[in-house]
Every structure is written in C-alpha cells, then in structure tokens.
Amino acid sequence: MKIILTGATGYVGEGVMLELLRTPQVEKVLSVGRRSVKIDDYPLSESEKAKLEEYIIPDFMDLKAGDKHFVINPRDITKLTKQW
C-alpha cells in the first residue's frame, strides 16, 4: 500500500510517519510538507528509510491548479493517487 501523508514534520505526523515506515504492508510514504523530514535522525533501517518520498512545498500559497503533484479537482486527486 502507498500512503500520502501531510504534517510529517509535526509532533503527531512524525509518529504516524514512523509507524507507517515500519509497517511491512506499506511500500511507500509520500510526505507533502513545507520542510524536509530529517529521516537520518530516526532509528530506522535503510529499507524503512527508502520507503519515504518527499514533495516539499515551501509556500502553499504559491500552488497553482494543475501543478503535477498537487491538484484541486477531486477527480484529479483520485487520478494522482491511483498513478502514484
């Protein structure tokens, strides 16, 4: 299973991310946030760390509809999640 997670650098999101990365059924975690996750700070195996993919958006106000990673239309979100 593949998961899209927002807020992975926050207190709760960090815990959720760690559990997802340690879960064998999860093959990939896409973290969407304003800053990068400091993945090397966590006690994870290399294979667990490799599950993390990041999409950094420094300012969410700069997003435009149709950006290849972030779309507004619900049909487009469905399409993105199926492709990813």
N, C-alpha and C. Protein backbone atom coordinates (compact mmCIF):
# COMPACT_ATOMS: atom_id res chain seq x y z
N MET A 1 0.84 -1.16 0.00
CA MET A 1 0.00 0.00 0.00
C MET A 1 0.89 1.23 0.00
N LYS A 2 0.43 2.29 -0.63
CA LYS A 2 1.14 3.57 -0.70
C LYS A 2 0.31 4.62 0.04
N ILE A 3 0.99 5.46 0.80
CA ILE A 3 0.33 6.45 1.66
C ILE A 3 0.83 7.85 1.32
N ILE A 4 -0.09 8.81 1.24
CA ILE A 4 0.27 10.22 1.14
C ILE A 4 0.01 10.82 2.51
N LEU A 5 1.04 11.44 3.09
CA LEU A 5 0.96 11.97 4.45
C LEU A 5 1.34 13.44 4.46
N THR A 6 0.52 14.26 5.09
CA THR A 6 0.87 15.66 5.31
C THR A 6 1.16 15.84 6.79
N GLY A 7 2.03 16.77 7.11
CA GLY A 7 2.32 17.06 8.51
C GLY A 7 3.34 16.14 9.14
N ALA A 8 4.18 15.48 8.35
CA ALA A 8 5.15 14.52 8.89
C ALA A 8 6.23 15.17 9.75
N THR A 9 6.40 16.49 9.67
CA THR A 9 7.41 17.14 10.50
C THR A 9 6.81 17.66 11.80
N GLY A 10 5.52 17.50 11.98
CA GLY A 10 4.87 17.89 13.23
C GLY A 10 4.92 16.77 14.25
N TYR A 11 4.48 17.06 15.46
CA TYR A 11 4.56 16.11 16.57
C TYR A 11 3.78 14.82 16.29
N VAL A 12 2.52 14.95 15.92
CA VAL A 12 1.69 13.77 15.66
C VAL A 12 2.07 13.13 14.33
N GLY A 13 2.26 13.94 13.29
CA GLY A 13 2.60 13.42 11.98
C GLY A 13 3.90 12.65 11.97
N GLU A 14 4.85 13.06 12.80
CA GLU A 14 6.13 12.35 12.90
C GLU A 14 5.91 10.92 13.39
N GLY A 15 5.10 10.77 14.41
CA GLY A 15 4.80 9.44 14.94
C GLY A 15 4.07 8.57 13.93
N VAL A 16 3.13 9.18 13.21
CA VAL A 16 2.39 8.45 12.17
C VAL A 16 3.35 8.00 11.08
N MET A 17 4.23 8.90 10.65
CA MET A 17 5.19 8.57 9.61
C MET A 17 6.09 7.40 10.02
N LEU A 18 6.61 7.45 11.25
CA LEU A 18 7.49 6.38 11.72
C LEU A 18 6.78 5.03 11.73
N GLU A 19 5.54 5.02 12.19
CA GLU A 19 4.79 3.76 12.21
C GLU A 19 4.52 3.25 10.80
N LEU A 20 4.20 4.17 9.90
CA LEU A 20 3.97 3.77 8.50
C LEU A 20 5.23 3.18 7.88
N LEU A 21 6.38 3.82 8.12
CA LEU A 21 7.63 3.34 7.54
C LEU A 21 8.03 1.98 8.10
N ARG A 22 7.62 1.70 9.33
CA ARG A 22 7.95 0.42 9.97
C ARG A 22 6.95 -0.69 9.63
N THR A 23 5.87 -0.34 9.00
CA THR A 23 4.81 -1.30 8.68
C THR A 23 5.16 -2.04 7.39
N PRO A 24 5.28 -3.37 7.44
CA PRO A 24 5.66 -4.13 6.24
C PRO A 24 4.69 -3.99 5.07
N GLN A 25 3.41 -3.80 5.34
CA GLN A 25 2.41 -3.69 4.27
C GLN A 25 2.50 -2.38 3.51
N VAL A 26 3.18 -1.39 4.07
CA VAL A 26 3.34 -0.09 3.42
C VAL A 26 4.60 -0.12 2.59
N GLU A 27 4.46 0.09 1.28
CA GLU A 27 5.64 0.06 0.41
C GLU A 27 6.23 1.44 0.16
N LYS A 28 5.42 2.51 0.29
CA LYS A 28 5.89 3.86 0.02
C LYS A 28 5.08 4.86 0.84
N VAL A 29 5.75 5.90 1.34
CA VAL A 29 5.09 7.00 2.04
C VAL A 29 5.52 8.29 1.34
N LEU A 30 4.56 9.03 0.81
CA LEU A 30 4.84 10.32 0.20
C LEU A 30 4.52 11.39 1.23
N SER A 31 5.53 12.10 1.69
CA SER A 31 5.36 13.18 2.66
C SER A 31 5.24 14.49 1.89
N VAL A 32 4.16 15.20 2.11
CA VAL A 32 3.94 16.51 1.48
C VAL A 32 4.02 17.55 2.60
N GLY A 33 4.96 18.46 2.48
CA GLY A 33 5.10 19.45 3.53
C GLY A 33 5.95 20.64 3.13
N ARG A 34 6.10 21.57 4.09
CA ARG A 34 6.87 22.79 3.84
C ARG A 34 8.36 22.59 4.04
N ARG A 35 8.74 21.59 4.80
CA ARG A 35 10.17 21.33 5.01
C ARG A 35 10.44 19.83 4.97
N SER A 36 11.68 19.50 4.79
CA SER A 36 12.10 18.11 4.65
C SER A 36 12.08 17.39 5.99
N VAL A 37 11.77 16.11 5.93
CA VAL A 37 11.85 15.25 7.11
C VAL A 37 13.32 14.88 7.31
N LYS A 38 13.82 15.02 8.53
CA LYS A 38 15.21 14.66 8.81
C LYS A 38 15.26 13.16 9.11
N ILE A 39 15.15 12.38 8.04
CA ILE A 39 14.98 10.93 8.15
C ILE A 39 16.15 10.25 8.86
N ASP A 40 17.36 10.82 8.75
CA ASP A 40 18.52 10.19 9.38
C ASP A 40 18.52 10.34 10.90
N ASP A 41 17.64 11.18 11.44
CA ASP A 41 17.54 11.37 12.89
C ASP A 41 16.74 10.26 13.56
N TYR A 42 16.13 9.38 12.79
CA TYR A 42 15.24 8.36 13.34
C TYR A 42 15.87 6.98 13.30
N PRO A 43 15.57 6.15 14.30
CA PRO A 43 16.11 4.78 14.34
C PRO A 43 15.35 3.87 13.37
N LEU A 44 15.67 3.97 12.10
CA LEU A 44 15.02 3.18 11.06
C LEU A 44 16.09 2.43 10.27
N SER A 45 15.70 1.28 9.73
CA SER A 45 16.62 0.54 8.86
C SER A 45 16.71 1.28 7.52
N GLU A 46 17.70 0.94 6.74
CA GLU A 46 17.85 1.56 5.42
C GLU A 46 16.65 1.27 4.53
N SER A 47 16.10 0.06 4.63
CA SER A 47 14.94 -0.27 3.79
C SER A 47 13.71 0.52 4.23
N GLU A 48 13.59 0.79 5.53
CA GLU A 48 12.48 1.62 6.01
C GLU A 48 12.65 3.07 5.55
N LYS A 49 13.86 3.58 5.62
CA LYS A 49 14.14 4.95 5.17
C LYS A 49 13.87 5.10 3.67
N ALA A 50 14.15 4.05 2.91
CA ALA A 50 13.97 4.09 1.46
C ALA A 50 12.50 4.18 1.06
N LYS A 51 11.60 3.87 1.97
CA LYS A 51 10.16 3.95 1.68
C LYS A 51 9.68 5.40 1.59
N LEU A 52 10.43 6.33 2.16
CA LEU A 52 10.00 7.73 2.23
C LEU A 52 10.34 8.48 0.95
N GLU A 53 9.33 9.14 0.41
CA GLU A 53 9.50 10.03 -0.73
C GLU A 53 8.93 11.38 -0.27
N GLU A 54 9.57 12.47 -0.67
CA GLU A 54 9.12 13.77 -0.20
C GLU A 54 8.78 14.71 -1.35
N TYR A 55 7.77 15.52 -1.11
CA TYR A 55 7.43 16.62 -2.01
C TYR A 55 7.35 17.86 -1.15
N ILE A 56 8.33 18.75 -1.30
CA ILE A 56 8.43 19.95 -0.47
C ILE A 56 7.76 21.12 -1.18
N ILE A 57 6.86 21.78 -0.46
CA ILE A 57 6.16 22.96 -0.96
C ILE A 57 6.45 24.08 0.05
N PRO A 58 7.46 24.91 -0.21
CA PRO A 58 7.84 25.95 0.76
C PRO A 58 6.70 26.89 1.13
N ASP A 59 5.86 27.21 0.17
CA ASP A 59 4.74 28.12 0.44
C ASP A 59 3.50 27.59 -0.28
N PHE A 60 2.55 27.09 0.49
CA PHE A 60 1.34 26.52 -0.10
C PHE A 60 0.53 27.56 -0.87
N MET A 61 0.75 28.84 -0.61
CA MET A 61 0.03 29.89 -1.33
C MET A 61 0.53 30.02 -2.77
N ASP A 62 1.70 29.47 -3.06
CA ASP A 62 2.25 29.53 -4.42
C ASP A 62 1.71 28.44 -5.34
N LEU A 63 0.92 27.51 -4.80
CA LEU A 63 0.42 26.41 -5.62
C LEU A 63 -0.57 26.90 -6.66
N LYS A 64 -0.51 26.28 -7.81
CA LYS A 64 -1.45 26.59 -8.89
C LYS A 64 -2.19 25.31 -9.24
N ALA A 65 -3.45 25.44 -9.57
CA ALA A 65 -4.21 24.28 -10.02
C ALA A 65 -3.48 23.69 -11.22
N GLY A 66 -3.32 22.39 -11.23
CA GLY A 66 -2.64 21.74 -12.34
C GLY A 66 -1.19 21.43 -12.06
N ASP A 67 -0.65 21.91 -10.91
CA ASP A 67 0.70 21.51 -10.53
C ASP A 67 0.75 19.99 -10.56
N LYS A 68 1.83 19.41 -11.08
CA LYS A 68 1.83 17.97 -11.30
C LYS A 68 1.74 17.15 -10.01
N HIS A 69 2.06 17.73 -8.85
CA HIS A 69 1.96 16.98 -7.60
C HIS A 69 0.77 17.38 -6.74
N PHE A 70 0.18 18.50 -6.99
CA PHE A 70 -0.91 18.97 -6.14
C PHE A 70 -2.00 19.55 -7.02
N VAL A 71 -3.17 18.97 -6.95
CA VAL A 71 -4.27 19.41 -7.78
C VAL A 71 -5.50 19.64 -6.92
N ILE A 72 -6.39 20.48 -7.38
CA ILE A 72 -7.56 20.86 -6.61
C ILE A 72 -8.77 19.98 -6.93
N ASN A 73 -8.95 19.69 -8.19
CA ASN A 73 -10.11 18.93 -8.65
C ASN A 73 -10.12 17.53 -8.03
N PRO A 74 -11.22 17.12 -7.36
CA PRO A 74 -11.28 15.79 -6.73
C PRO A 74 -11.01 14.64 -7.71
N ARG A 75 -11.46 14.79 -8.97
CA ARG A 75 -11.17 13.74 -9.96
C ARG A 75 -9.68 13.63 -10.21
N ASP A 76 -9.00 14.79 -10.22
CA ASP A 76 -7.56 14.79 -10.43
C ASP A 76 -6.83 14.16 -9.23
N ILE A 77 -7.32 14.42 -8.03
CA ILE A 77 -6.72 13.82 -6.84
C ILE A 77 -6.84 12.30 -6.92
N THR A 78 -8.00 11.82 -7.32
CA THR A 78 -8.20 10.38 -7.49
C THR A 78 -7.22 9.83 -8.52
N LYS A 79 -7.06 10.53 -9.62
CA LYS A 79 -6.16 10.11 -10.68
C LYS A 79 -4.71 10.07 -10.16
N LEU A 80 -4.30 11.11 -9.44
CA LEU A 80 -2.95 11.18 -8.89
C LEU A 80 -2.69 10.02 -7.95
N THR A 81 -3.61 9.74 -7.05
CA THR A 81 -3.38 8.69 -6.07
C THR A 81 -3.35 7.32 -6.73
N LYS A 82 -4.11 7.12 -7.79
CA LYS A 82 -4.07 5.84 -8.50
C LYS A 82 -2.77 5.67 -9.24
N GLN A 83 -2.23 6.76 -9.81
CA GLN A 83 -0.96 6.67 -10.54
C GLN A 83 0.20 6.48 -9.59
N TRP A 84 0.16 7.13 -8.47
CA TRP A 84 1.25 7.07 -7.51
C TRP A 84 1.21 5.75 -6.81
